[in-house]
Amino acid sequence: MRLIKMLGLAGAVALAAMAFVGTGAASADSACLADPGAMGLCPVGAVWNGPIIGLSGEALFKVDNTVTKCKSSFLADYVANEGAHVGVLYLILNLNFFECVGACPNAFAENLPSLLLVAMAQLDAKLTGDGFGPPAVLLQNCVILNVPMNCLYITQPPVLLNYLLELNGAGQPLVGALRFNAPMAWGGDDMLCPGNAVFQATYLLYEDQNFVEGPELFFTALP
């Protein structure tokens, strides 16, 4: 089963790469360890082709009229730079939620790993599943409409999600942050669960130094 999943994941990586070959005429993205400046070019030797850590001080789940606030983090492995006009591809290995306060005190990511493609051509990034289902979140021990329940919410089709890369104060370059606002649909578990939810978060991205965040990353054009 592990081999089958790995083969499926390899196929998903290949499909993701092919899906973004024709994304326009902008330069390819790169993670950069230094602010690229007004020209948006990463200095020589500052390109980071390694694992990344994403940290969010506040991740919000909105279900019906209830709100749950968590802290969140993810760890992703560098897969490849897809070349000019495409982007840089990562594999999100884990996505954690902790210190949740509100209607649902426990949140868990489902259907990982997921592929994250940062593409400057669209000034965004794309998240898609590994072929075994769309990314989802299980909210546990919820009290919604005064009823205790556990609710699974999945990303609505199409599976591809849009992230927005944040700009710095001057409007350039793209800095290491991903703003995420996605509708999610009830996953068909507890019949009492509301039909829809929304997930909102801003993840700051850092170089992974043995599972400790290093310098903040910038996304910019390769020279």
C-alpha atoms as a PDB file:
ATOM      1  CA  MET A   1       0.000   0.000   0.000  1.00  0.00           C
ATOM      2  CA  ARG A   2       2.857   2.404   0.825  1.00  0.00           C
ATOM      3  CA  LEU A   3       4.416   1.779  -2.601  1.00  0.00           C
ATOM      4  CA  ILE A   4       1.094   2.345  -4.327  1.00  0.00           C
ATOM      5  CA  LYS A   5       0.626   5.646  -2.490  1.00  0.00           C
ATOM      6  CA  MET A   6       4.174   6.727  -3.380  1.00  0.00           C
ATOM      7  CA  LEU A   7       3.556   5.903  -7.031  1.00  0.00           C
ATOM      8  CA  GLY A   8       0.299   7.824  -6.900  1.00  0.00           C
ATOM      9  CA  LEU A   9       2.081  10.777  -5.335  1.00  0.00           C
ATOM     10  CA  ALA A  10       4.780  10.713  -8.006  1.00  0.00           C
ATOM     11  CA  GLY A  11       2.043  10.801 -10.616  1.00  0.00           C
ATOM     12  CA  ALA A  12       0.380  13.720  -8.865  1.00  0.00           C
ATOM     13  CA  VAL A  13       3.672  15.627  -8.844  1.00  0.00           C
ATOM     14  CA  ALA A  14       4.082  14.990 -12.560  1.00  0.00           C
ATOM     15  CA  LEU A  15       0.498  16.028 -13.295  1.00  0.00           C
ATOM     16  CA  ALA A  16       0.901  19.179 -11.207  1.00  0.00           C
ATOM     17  CA  ALA A  17       4.044  20.059 -13.125  1.00  0.00           C
ATOM     18  CA  MET A  18       2.345  19.511 -16.486  1.00  0.00           C
ATOM     19  CA  ALA A  19      -0.736  21.462 -15.447  1.00  0.00           C
ATOM     20  CA  PHE A  20       1.273  24.661 -14.955  1.00  0.00           C
ATOM     21  CA  VAL A  21       3.597  24.563 -17.938  1.00  0.00           C
ATOM     22  CA  GLY A  22       1.666  27.254 -19.776  1.00  0.00           C
ATOM     23  CA  THR A  23       1.148  29.814 -17.024  1.00  0.00           C
ATOM     24  CA  GLY A  24       2.258  32.946 -18.856  1.00  0.00           C
ATOM     25  CA  ALA A  25       5.315  35.015 -19.589  1.00  0.00           C
ATOM     26  CA  ALA A  26       6.462  36.050 -16.102  1.00  0.00           C
ATOM     27  CA  SER A  27       9.695  34.741 -14.641  1.00  0.00           C
ATOM     28  CA  ALA A  28       9.841  31.572 -12.582  1.00  0.00           C
ATOM     29  CA  ASP A  29       9.482  31.795  -8.835  1.00  0.00           C
ATOM     30  CA  SER A  30      12.181  31.088  -6.345  1.00  0.00           C
ATOM     31  CA  ALA A  31      12.406  31.062  -2.572  1.00  0.00           C
ATOM     32  CA  CYS A  32      15.064  33.598  -1.588  1.00  0.00           C
ATOM     33  CA  LEU A  33      16.851  34.048   1.743  1.00  0.00           C
ATOM     34  CA  ALA A  34      17.324  37.812   1.225  1.00  0.00           C
ATOM     35  CA  ASP A  35      15.015  40.636   0.268  1.00  0.00           C
ATOM     36  CA  PRO A  36      15.369  40.797  -3.543  1.00  0.00           C
ATOM     37  CA  GLY A  37      14.859  44.564  -3.554  1.00  0.00           C
ATOM     38  CA  ALA A  38      13.014  46.691  -6.069  1.00  0.00           C
ATOM     39  CA  MET A  39      14.268  44.698  -9.067  1.00  0.00           C
ATOM     40  CA  GLY A  40      12.786  41.522  -7.636  1.00  0.00           C
ATOM     41  CA  LEU A  41      15.882  39.412  -8.323  1.00  0.00           C
ATOM     42  CA  CYS A  42      17.305  37.031  -5.742  1.00  0.00           C
ATOM     43  CA  PRO A  43      21.015  37.718  -5.042  1.00  0.00           C
ATOM     44  CA  VAL A  44      23.515  35.072  -6.150  1.00  0.00           C
ATOM     45  CA  GLY A  45      23.807  32.350  -3.539  1.00  0.00           C
ATOM     46  CA  ALA A  46      20.590  33.322  -1.746  1.00  0.00           C
ATOM     47  CA  VAL A  47      18.195  30.955  -3.540  1.00  0.00           C
ATOM     48  CA  TRP A  48      16.740  28.428  -1.082  1.00  0.00           C
ATOM     49  CA  ASN A  49      15.910  25.015  -2.555  1.00  0.00           C
ATOM     50  CA  GLY A  50      15.134  23.226   0.678  1.00  0.00           C
ATOM     51  CA  PRO A  51      12.322  22.443   3.115  1.00  0.00           C
ATOM     52  CA  ILE A  52      10.145  25.256   4.432  1.00  0.00           C
ATOM     53  CA  ILE A  53       8.113  25.955   7.556  1.00  0.00           C
ATOM     54  CA  GLY A  54       4.846  27.886   7.484  1.00  0.00           C
ATOM     55  CA  LEU A  55       3.610  29.567  10.678  1.00  0.00           C
ATOM     56  CA  SER A  56       0.267  31.234  11.278  1.00  0.00           C
ATOM     57  CA  GLY A  57      -0.435  33.082  14.494  1.00  0.00           C
ATOM     58  CA  GLU A  58      -4.153  32.901  13.814  1.00  0.00           C
ATOM     59  CA  ALA A  59      -6.081  30.420  11.679  1.00  0.00           C
ATOM     60  CA  LEU A  60      -9.853  30.866  11.666  1.00  0.00           C
ATOM     61  CA  PHE A  61     -12.585  28.303  11.046  1.00  0.00           C
ATOM     62  CA  LYS A  62     -16.009  29.815  10.476  1.00  0.00           C
ATOM     63  CA  VAL A  63     -18.815  27.262  10.737  1.00  0.00           C
ATOM     64  CA  ASP A  64     -22.391  28.524  10.634  1.00  0.00           C
ATOM     65  CA  ASN A  65     -22.234  31.554  12.948  1.00  0.00           C
ATOM     66  CA  THR A  66     -19.455  30.151  15.126  1.00  0.00           C
ATOM     67  CA  VAL A  67     -15.745  30.959  15.026  1.00  0.00           C
ATOM     68  CA  THR A  68     -12.751  28.872  16.121  1.00  0.00           C
ATOM     69  CA  LYS A  69      -9.287  30.433  16.296  1.00  0.00           C
ATOM     70  CA  CYS A  70      -6.136  28.302  16.297  1.00  0.00           C
ATOM     71  CA  LYS A  71      -2.432  28.698  15.838  1.00  0.00           C
ATOM     72  CA  SER A  72      -1.137  26.659  12.923  1.00  0.00           C
ATOM     73  CA  SER A  73       2.052  25.419  11.277  1.00  0.00           C
ATOM     74  CA  PHE A  74       3.092  23.276   8.344  1.00  0.00           C
ATOM     75  CA  LEU A  75       6.271  21.593   7.147  1.00  0.00           C
ATOM     76  CA  ALA A  76       6.925  21.188   3.406  1.00  0.00           C
ATOM     77  CA  ASP A  77       9.705  19.596   1.367  1.00  0.00           C
ATOM     78  CA  TYR A  78      11.137  21.236  -1.731  1.00  0.00           C
ATOM     79  CA  VAL A  79      10.322  19.104  -4.791  1.00  0.00           C
ATOM     80  CA  ALA A  80      11.560  21.083  -7.783  1.00  0.00           C
ATOM     81  CA  ASN A  81      11.732  24.433  -9.493  1.00  0.00           C
ATOM     82  CA  GLU A  82       9.450  23.892 -12.429  1.00  0.00           C
ATOM     83  CA  GLY A  83      11.398  26.250 -14.682  1.00  0.00           C
ATOM     84  CA  ALA A  84      10.811  29.637 -16.290  1.00  0.00           C
ATOM     85  CA  HIS A  85       7.184  30.808 -16.362  1.00  0.00           C
ATOM     86  CA  VAL A  86       6.020  28.033 -14.001  1.00  0.00           C
ATOM     87  CA  GLY A  87       7.000  28.099 -10.327  1.00  0.00           C
ATOM     88  CA  VAL A  88       8.527  26.204  -7.424  1.00  0.00           C
ATOM     89  CA  LEU A  89       6.841  23.054  -6.134  1.00  0.00           C
ATOM     90  CA  TYR A  90       6.671  21.885  -2.503  1.00  0.00           C
ATOM     91  CA  LEU A  91       5.118  18.875  -0.812  1.00  0.00           C
ATOM     92  CA  ILE A  92       3.270  19.715   2.412  1.00  0.00           C
ATOM     93  CA  LEU A  93       4.084  16.844   4.762  1.00  0.00           C
ATOM     94  CA  ASN A  94       2.124  17.946   7.813  1.00  0.00           C
ATOM     95  CA  LEU A  95      -0.323  20.669   8.770  1.00  0.00           C
ATOM     96  CA  ASN A  96      -0.941  21.224  12.478  1.00  0.00           C
ATOM     97  CA  PHE A  97      -3.489  23.221  14.459  1.00  0.00           C
ATOM     98  CA  PHE A  98      -3.003  23.906  18.163  1.00  0.00           C
ATOM     99  CA  GLU A  99      -4.237  26.117  21.003  1.00  0.00           C
ATOM    100  CA  CYS A 100      -7.669  26.260  19.389  1.00  0.00           C
ATOM    101  CA  VAL A 101     -10.248  28.457  21.122  1.00  0.00           C
ATOM    102  CA  GLY A 102     -13.923  28.651  20.220  1.00  0.00           C
ATOM    103  CA  ALA A 103     -16.636  26.298  19.050  1.00  0.00           C
ATOM    104  CA  CYS A 104     -14.249  23.490  18.019  1.00  0.00           C
ATOM    105  CA  PRO A 105     -11.264  23.016  20.367  1.00  0.00           C
ATOM    106  CA  ASN A 106      -9.555  20.367  18.197  1.00  0.00           C
ATOM    107  CA  ALA A 107      -8.688  20.571  14.482  1.00  0.00           C
ATOM    108  CA  PHE A 108      -6.800  18.023  12.377  1.00  0.00           C
ATOM    109  CA  ALA A 109      -5.703  18.113   8.737  1.00  0.00           C
ATOM    110  CA  GLU A 110      -6.819  15.217   6.536  1.00  0.00           C
ATOM    111  CA  ASN A 111      -5.688  13.870   3.157  1.00  0.00           C
ATOM    112  CA  LEU A 112      -2.036  14.825   3.366  1.00  0.00           C
ATOM    113  CA  PRO A 113       0.469  15.158   1.815  1.00  0.00           C
ATOM    114  CA  SER A 114      -0.549  17.986  -0.491  1.00  0.00           C
ATOM    115  CA  LEU A 115       1.281  19.762  -3.291  1.00  0.00           C
ATOM    116  CA  LEU A 116       1.931  23.511  -3.108  1.00  0.00           C
ATOM    117  CA  LEU A 117       3.024  25.310  -6.266  1.00  0.00           C
ATOM    118  CA  VAL A 118       4.126  28.931  -5.817  1.00  0.00           C
ATOM    119  CA  ALA A 119       3.709  30.695  -9.162  1.00  0.00           C
ATOM    120  CA  MET A 120       4.640  34.340  -9.659  1.00  0.00           C
ATOM    121  CA  ALA A 121       2.901  34.409 -13.031  1.00  0.00           C
ATOM    122  CA  GLN A 122      -0.447  34.482 -11.185  1.00  0.00           C
ATOM    123  CA  LEU A 123       0.891  36.183  -8.038  1.00  0.00           C
ATOM    124  CA  ASP A 124      -0.475  33.225  -6.143  1.00  0.00           C
ATOM    125  CA  ALA A 125       0.161  29.636  -5.143  1.00  0.00           C
ATOM    126  CA  LYS A 126      -1.846  26.485  -5.735  1.00  0.00           C
ATOM    127  CA  LEU A 127      -2.650  23.705  -3.293  1.00  0.00           C
ATOM    128  CA  THR A 128      -3.901  20.321  -4.472  1.00  0.00           C
ATOM    129  CA  GLY A 129      -4.208  16.866  -2.931  1.00  0.00           C
ATOM    130  CA  ASP A 130      -1.978  13.908  -3.667  1.00  0.00           C
ATOM    131  CA  GLY A 131      -4.640  12.011  -5.617  1.00  0.00           C
ATOM    132  CA  PHE A 132      -6.266  10.350  -2.598  1.00  0.00           C
ATOM    133  CA  GLY A 133      -8.845  13.040  -1.918  1.00  0.00           C
ATOM    134  CA  PRO A 134      -8.953  16.818  -1.574  1.00  0.00           C
ATOM    135  CA  PRO A 135      -7.337  18.446   1.472  1.00  0.00           C
ATOM    136  CA  ALA A 136      -9.745  18.439   4.408  1.00  0.00           C
ATOM    137  CA  VAL A 137      -9.995  19.372   8.094  1.00  0.00           C
ATOM    138  CA  LEU A 138     -11.681  17.423  10.870  1.00  0.00           C
ATOM    139  CA  LEU A 139     -13.137  19.640  13.601  1.00  0.00           C
ATOM    140  CA  GLN A 140     -13.671  17.707  16.829  1.00  0.00           C
ATOM    141  CA  ASN A 141     -15.604  18.273  20.050  1.00  0.00           C
ATOM    142  CA  CYS A 142     -17.516  21.131  18.472  1.00  0.00           C
ATOM    143  CA  VAL A 143     -20.493  22.802  20.108  1.00  0.00           C
ATOM    144  CA  ILE A 144     -22.483  24.299  17.244  1.00  0.00           C
ATOM    145  CA  LEU A 145     -26.064  25.496  17.753  1.00  0.00           C
ATOM    146  CA  ASN A 146     -25.695  24.092  21.287  1.00  0.00           C
ATOM    147  CA  VAL A 147     -25.202  20.590  19.867  1.00  0.00           C
ATOM    148  CA  PRO A 148     -21.949  18.605  20.375  1.00  0.00           C
ATOM    149  CA  MET A 149     -20.596  17.177  17.104  1.00  0.00           C
ATOM    150  CA  ASN A 150     -17.529  16.258  15.059  1.00  0.00           C
ATOM    151  CA  CYS A 151     -17.463  17.668  11.535  1.00  0.00           C
ATOM    152  CA  LEU A 152     -15.282  16.933   8.511  1.00  0.00           C
ATOM    153  CA  TYR A 153     -14.952  19.715   5.922  1.00  0.00           C
ATOM    154  CA  ILE A 154     -13.318  19.225   2.544  1.00  0.00           C
ATOM    155  CA  THR A 155     -12.167  21.696  -0.075  1.00  0.00           C
ATOM    156  CA  GLN A 156     -14.824  22.169  -2.684  1.00  0.00           C
ATOM    157  CA  PRO A 157     -14.179  21.044  -6.259  1.00  0.00           C
ATOM    158  CA  PRO A 158     -12.209  21.864  -8.195  1.00  0.00           C
ATOM    159  CA  VAL A 159      -9.621  20.581  -5.742  1.00  0.00           C
ATOM    160  CA  LEU A 160      -7.160  23.308  -6.738  1.00  0.00           C
ATOM    161  CA  LEU A 161      -7.156  26.176  -4.249  1.00  0.00           C
ATOM    162  CA  ASN A 162      -5.948  29.722  -4.683  1.00  0.00           C
ATOM    163  CA  TYR A 163      -3.527  31.334  -2.273  1.00  0.00           C
ATOM    164  CA  LEU A 164      -2.542  34.984  -2.517  1.00  0.00           C
ATOM    165  CA  LEU A 165       1.072  35.985  -2.022  1.00  0.00           C
ATOM    166  CA  GLU A 166       1.452  39.091   0.121  1.00  0.00           C
ATOM    167  CA  LEU A 167       3.338  42.157  -1.058  1.00  0.00           C
ATOM    168  CA  ASN A 168       5.662  44.147   1.166  1.00  0.00           C
ATOM    169  CA  GLY A 169       4.917  47.736   2.185  1.00  0.00           C
ATOM    170  CA  ALA A 170       6.290  49.124  -1.074  1.00  0.00           C
ATOM    171  CA  GLY A 171       4.205  46.733  -3.145  1.00  0.00           C
ATOM    172  CA  GLN A 172       7.242  44.677  -4.195  1.00  0.00           C
ATOM    173  CA  PRO A 173       8.692  42.094  -3.944  1.00  0.00           C
ATOM    174  CA  LEU A 174       6.520  39.165  -2.928  1.00  0.00           C
ATOM    175  CA  VAL A 175       7.337  38.283   0.675  1.00  0.00           C
ATOM    176  CA  GLY A 176       7.195  34.963   2.459  1.00  0.00           C
ATOM    177  CA  ALA A 177       3.538  34.914   3.371  1.00  0.00           C
ATOM    178  CA  LEU A 178       0.549  33.052   2.009  1.00  0.00           C
ATOM    179  CA  ARG A 179      -2.932  34.448   2.645  1.00  0.00           C
ATOM    180  CA  PHE A 180      -5.454  31.648   2.481  1.00  0.00           C
ATOM    181  CA  ASN A 181      -9.246  32.061   2.304  1.00  0.00           C
ATOM    182  CA  ALA A 182     -11.079  28.928   1.213  1.00  0.00           C
ATOM    183  CA  PRO A 183     -14.688  27.703   1.334  1.00  0.00           C
ATOM    184  CA  MET A 184     -15.067  24.140   2.588  1.00  0.00           C
ATOM    185  CA  ALA A 185     -18.001  21.736   2.271  1.00  0.00           C
ATOM    186  CA  TRP A 186     -19.372  19.281   4.825  1.00  0.00           C
ATOM    187  CA  GLY A 187     -17.723  15.897   4.338  1.00  0.00           C
ATOM    188  CA  GLY A 188     -20.755  13.710   4.959  1.00  0.00           C
ATOM    189  CA  ASP A 189     -20.101  12.457   8.486  1.00  0.00           C
ATOM    190  CA  ASP A 190     -22.358  13.844  11.243  1.00  0.00           C
ATOM    191  CA  MET A 191     -25.734  14.694   9.696  1.00  0.00           C
ATOM    192  CA  LEU A 192     -26.138  17.594  12.132  1.00  0.00           C
ATOM    193  CA  CYS A 193     -23.044  19.418  10.854  1.00  0.00           C
ATOM    194  CA  PRO A 194     -23.671  22.701   8.988  1.00  0.00           C
ATOM    195  CA  GLY A 195     -23.177  22.352   5.242  1.00  0.00           C
ATOM    196  CA  ASN A 196     -20.376  24.855   4.775  1.00  0.00           C
ATOM    197  CA  ALA A 197     -17.333  26.315   6.508  1.00  0.00           C
ATOM    198  CA  VAL A 198     -14.610  28.848   5.690  1.00  0.00           C
ATOM    199  CA  PHE A 199     -10.926  28.588   6.568  1.00  0.00           C
ATOM    200  CA  GLN A 200      -8.803  31.749   6.789  1.00  0.00           C
ATOM    201  CA  ALA A 201      -5.115  32.079   7.696  1.00  0.00           C
ATOM    202  CA  THR A 202      -1.911  33.903   6.861  1.00  0.00           C
ATOM    203  CA  TYR A 203       1.190  31.702   6.919  1.00  0.00           C
ATOM    204  CA  LEU A 204       4.632  33.280   7.210  1.00  0.00           C
ATOM    205  CA  LEU A 205       7.218  31.119   5.438  1.00  0.00           C
ATOM    206  CA  TYR A 206      10.684  30.350   6.776  1.00  0.00           C
ATOM    207  CA  GLU A 207      13.717  28.278   5.881  1.00  0.00           C
ATOM    208  CA  ASP A 208      13.586  24.987   7.778  1.00  0.00           C
ATOM    209  CA  GLN A 209      16.743  24.512   9.849  1.00  0.00           C
ATOM    210  CA  ASN A 210      16.300  21.056  11.401  1.00  0.00           C
ATOM    211  CA  PHE A 211      12.633  21.744  12.178  1.00  0.00           C
ATOM    212  CA  VAL A 212      13.363  25.227  13.544  1.00  0.00           C
ATOM    213  CA  GLU A 213      12.420  28.286  11.538  1.00  0.00           C
ATOM    214  CA  GLY A 214      15.375  30.102  10.013  1.00  0.00           C
ATOM    215  CA  PRO A 215      15.304  33.299   7.907  1.00  0.00           C
ATOM    216  CA  GLU A 216      11.973  34.388   6.468  1.00  0.00           C
ATOM    217  CA  LEU A 217      11.675  33.537   2.777  1.00  0.00           C
ATOM    218  CA  PHE A 218      10.820  35.825  -0.109  1.00  0.00           C
ATOM    219  CA  PHE A 219       9.362  34.695  -3.439  1.00  0.00           C
ATOM    220  CA  THR A 220      10.890  36.366  -6.426  1.00  0.00           C
ATOM    221  CA  ALA A 221      12.099  35.945  -9.998  1.00  0.00           C
ATOM    222  CA  LEU A 222      15.145  33.867 -10.784  1.00  0.00           C
ATOM    223  CA  PRO A 223      17.915  35.847 -12.531  1.00  0.00           C
END
